[in-house]
Amino acid sequence: MNNSINGYRSLIYSGDHDIQVPFLGTQAWIRSLNYSIIDDWRPWMIKDQIAGYTRTYANKMTFATIKASGHTAEFKPDETSVMFQRWISGQPL
């Protein structure tokens, strides 16, 4: 019997202007989990504009930053909505 656990997809995101929980702190926490990187840092785009940066991990976890966003997502509603819609539908950011 195979007892391996596939796990669930997860999306972790941070605003890159968050002074309460800086994205570098989130990145350090993710690094402490020791998950393998599948797709290293790359920009994610909306039309021809960089909306943030993203990295994916072997455990189905996606980490994304939202460019010029603070601690809460409502500062950049368009970017946040596109990010979530792409993630929930299984599309790459």
Protein backbone atom coordinates (compact mmCIF):
# COMPACT_ATOMS: atom_id res chain seq x y z
CA MET A 1 0.00 0.00 0.00
CA ASN A 2 1.32 3.42 -0.95
CA ASN A 3 1.01 5.84 1.97
CA SER A 4 2.43 8.87 0.15
CA ILE A 5 0.46 12.06 0.60
CA ASN A 6 -0.02 14.18 -2.50
CA GLY A 7 -1.06 17.26 -0.55
CA TYR A 8 -3.15 20.19 -1.64
CA ARG A 9 -2.32 23.08 -3.90
CA SER A 10 -1.62 26.27 -1.99
CA LEU A 11 -1.12 29.91 -2.86
CA ILE A 12 0.96 32.13 -0.59
CA TYR A 13 1.16 35.78 -1.57
CA SER A 14 2.64 38.99 -0.25
CA GLY A 15 2.58 42.60 -1.25
CA ASP A 16 6.10 43.76 -2.00
CA HIS A 17 5.47 46.99 -0.02
CA ASP A 18 4.14 45.23 3.09
CA ILE A 19 5.85 46.72 6.15
CA GLN A 20 3.95 44.56 8.66
CA VAL A 21 4.96 41.19 7.18
CA PRO A 22 7.63 41.89 4.56
CA PHE A 23 7.73 39.42 1.69
CA LEU A 24 11.33 38.60 2.63
CA GLY A 25 10.01 37.20 5.93
CA THR A 26 7.45 35.09 4.07
CA GLN A 27 10.18 33.93 1.71
CA ALA A 28 12.39 32.96 4.68
CA TRP A 29 9.51 30.95 6.21
CA ILE A 30 8.95 29.14 2.92
CA ARG A 31 12.70 28.44 2.64
CA SER A 32 12.58 26.83 6.11
CA LEU A 33 10.08 24.26 4.76
CA ASN A 34 12.81 22.87 2.47
CA TYR A 35 10.57 22.30 -0.52
CA SER A 36 12.25 21.90 -3.89
CA ILE A 37 11.87 24.76 -6.33
CA ILE A 38 10.13 23.74 -9.57
CA ASP A 39 9.91 27.11 -11.33
CA ASP A 40 12.29 29.78 -10.04
CA TRP A 41 11.50 33.47 -9.75
CA ARG A 42 9.89 34.95 -12.79
CA PRO A 43 7.60 37.92 -13.36
CA TRP A 44 3.89 37.32 -13.72
CA MET A 45 2.17 39.65 -16.10
CA ILE A 46 -1.16 41.33 -16.71
CA LYS A 47 -1.21 42.42 -20.33
CA ASP A 48 2.27 43.89 -20.84
CA GLN A 49 2.82 44.98 -17.23
CA ILE A 50 4.65 43.16 -14.45
CA ALA A 51 2.09 42.47 -11.71
CA GLY A 52 4.58 40.77 -9.38
CA TYR A 53 6.93 37.82 -9.19
CA THR A 54 6.26 34.14 -8.58
CA ARG A 55 8.01 30.91 -7.69
CA THR A 56 6.53 27.40 -7.55
CA TYR A 57 7.55 24.49 -5.36
CA ALA A 58 7.42 20.70 -5.61
CA ASN A 59 4.66 20.43 -2.99
CA LYS A 60 2.15 22.25 -5.24
CA MET A 61 2.77 25.54 -3.45
CA THR A 62 2.90 28.80 -5.35
CA PHE A 63 4.42 31.91 -3.80
CA ALA A 64 3.64 35.22 -5.49
CA THR A 65 4.33 38.84 -4.81
CA ILE A 66 1.98 41.62 -5.82
CA LYS A 67 3.87 44.62 -7.09
CA ALA A 68 3.29 47.89 -5.17
CA SER A 69 0.82 46.26 -2.77
CA GLY A 70 0.81 46.62 0.97
CA HIS A 71 -0.27 44.21 3.70
CA THR A 72 -3.78 43.57 2.45
CA ALA A 73 -4.83 42.60 -1.03
CA GLU A 74 -7.47 45.28 -1.51
CA PHE A 75 -4.76 47.82 -2.34
CA LYS A 76 -4.35 46.11 -5.73
CA PRO A 77 -7.76 44.55 -6.48
CA ASP A 78 -7.20 43.99 -10.21
CA GLU A 79 -3.89 42.20 -9.72
CA THR A 80 -5.20 40.19 -6.79
CA SER A 81 -8.27 39.09 -8.73
CA VAL A 82 -6.27 38.02 -11.79
CA MET A 83 -3.75 36.18 -9.58
CA PHE A 84 -6.51 34.28 -7.77
CA GLN A 85 -8.50 33.49 -10.92
CA ARG A 86 -5.44 32.08 -12.64
CA TRP A 87 -4.42 30.04 -9.59
CA ILE A 88 -7.90 28.64 -8.83
CA SER A 89 -8.35 27.57 -12.46
CA GLY A 90 -4.94 25.88 -12.58
CA GLN A 91 -3.37 28.34 -15.00
CA PRO A 92 0.18 29.57 -14.45
CA LEU A 93 0.42 33.06 -13.06
